Amino acid sequence: MKREDVVIYGCVIIGAGVGLMMDQALIGVLIGLGTGYLLSLFSNK
């Protein structure tokens, strides 16, 4: 597993946790996915 994948998965899990606290798990997952993708994109350079 690549480092970028771990960053994305971690952000998705954190987003899901925050989303569950707000009763909007899917929205939290999607925000976490986008955040993780952007973090992995910018951390490569």
Protein backbone atom coordinates (compact mmCIF):
# COMPACT_ATOMS: atom_id res chain seq x y z
CA MET A 1 0.00 0.00 0.00
CA LYS A 2 1.36 3.38 -0.98
CA ARG A 3 1.70 6.30 1.41
CA GLU A 4 -0.81 8.34 -0.58
CA ASP A 5 -3.43 5.63 -0.12
CA VAL A 6 -2.93 5.61 3.63
CA VAL A 7 -3.47 9.38 3.76
CA ILE A 8 -6.69 9.08 1.75
CA TYR A 9 -8.03 6.18 3.85
CA GLY A 10 -7.19 7.97 7.07
CA CYS A 11 -9.02 11.10 6.00
CA VAL A 12 -12.04 9.05 4.91
CA ILE A 13 -12.20 7.35 8.32
CA ILE A 14 -11.84 10.65 10.18
CA GLY A 15 -14.49 12.23 7.94
CA ALA A 16 -16.84 9.33 8.58
CA GLY A 17 -16.36 9.71 12.33
CA VAL A 18 -17.06 13.43 12.24
CA GLY A 19 -20.02 12.82 9.94
CA LEU A 20 -21.46 10.23 12.30
CA MET A 21 -21.33 12.74 15.14
CA MET A 22 -23.39 15.11 12.97
CA ASP A 23 -25.74 12.35 11.69
CA GLN A 24 -24.41 12.83 8.13
CA ALA A 25 -21.93 9.97 7.65
CA LEU A 26 -21.97 9.95 3.84
CA ILE A 27 -21.27 13.66 3.59
CA GLY A 28 -18.41 13.26 6.07
CA VAL A 29 -16.95 10.41 4.03
CA LEU A 30 -17.11 12.45 0.84
CA ILE A 31 -15.49 15.47 2.47
CA GLY A 32 -12.80 13.21 3.93
CA LEU A 33 -12.21 11.62 0.54
CA GLY A 34 -11.76 14.98 -1.13
CA THR A 35 -9.52 16.25 1.65
CA GLY A 36 -7.41 13.10 1.57
CA TYR A 37 -7.02 13.29 -2.18
CA LEU A 38 -5.91 16.92 -2.00
CA LEU A 39 -3.48 16.19 0.84
CA SER A 40 -1.92 13.29 -1.01
CA LEU A 41 -1.73 15.35 -4.19
CA PHE A 42 0.09 18.23 -2.51
CA SER A 43 2.33 16.07 -0.31
CA ASN A 44 3.90 14.41 -3.38
CA LYS A 45 5.45 17.60 -4.66
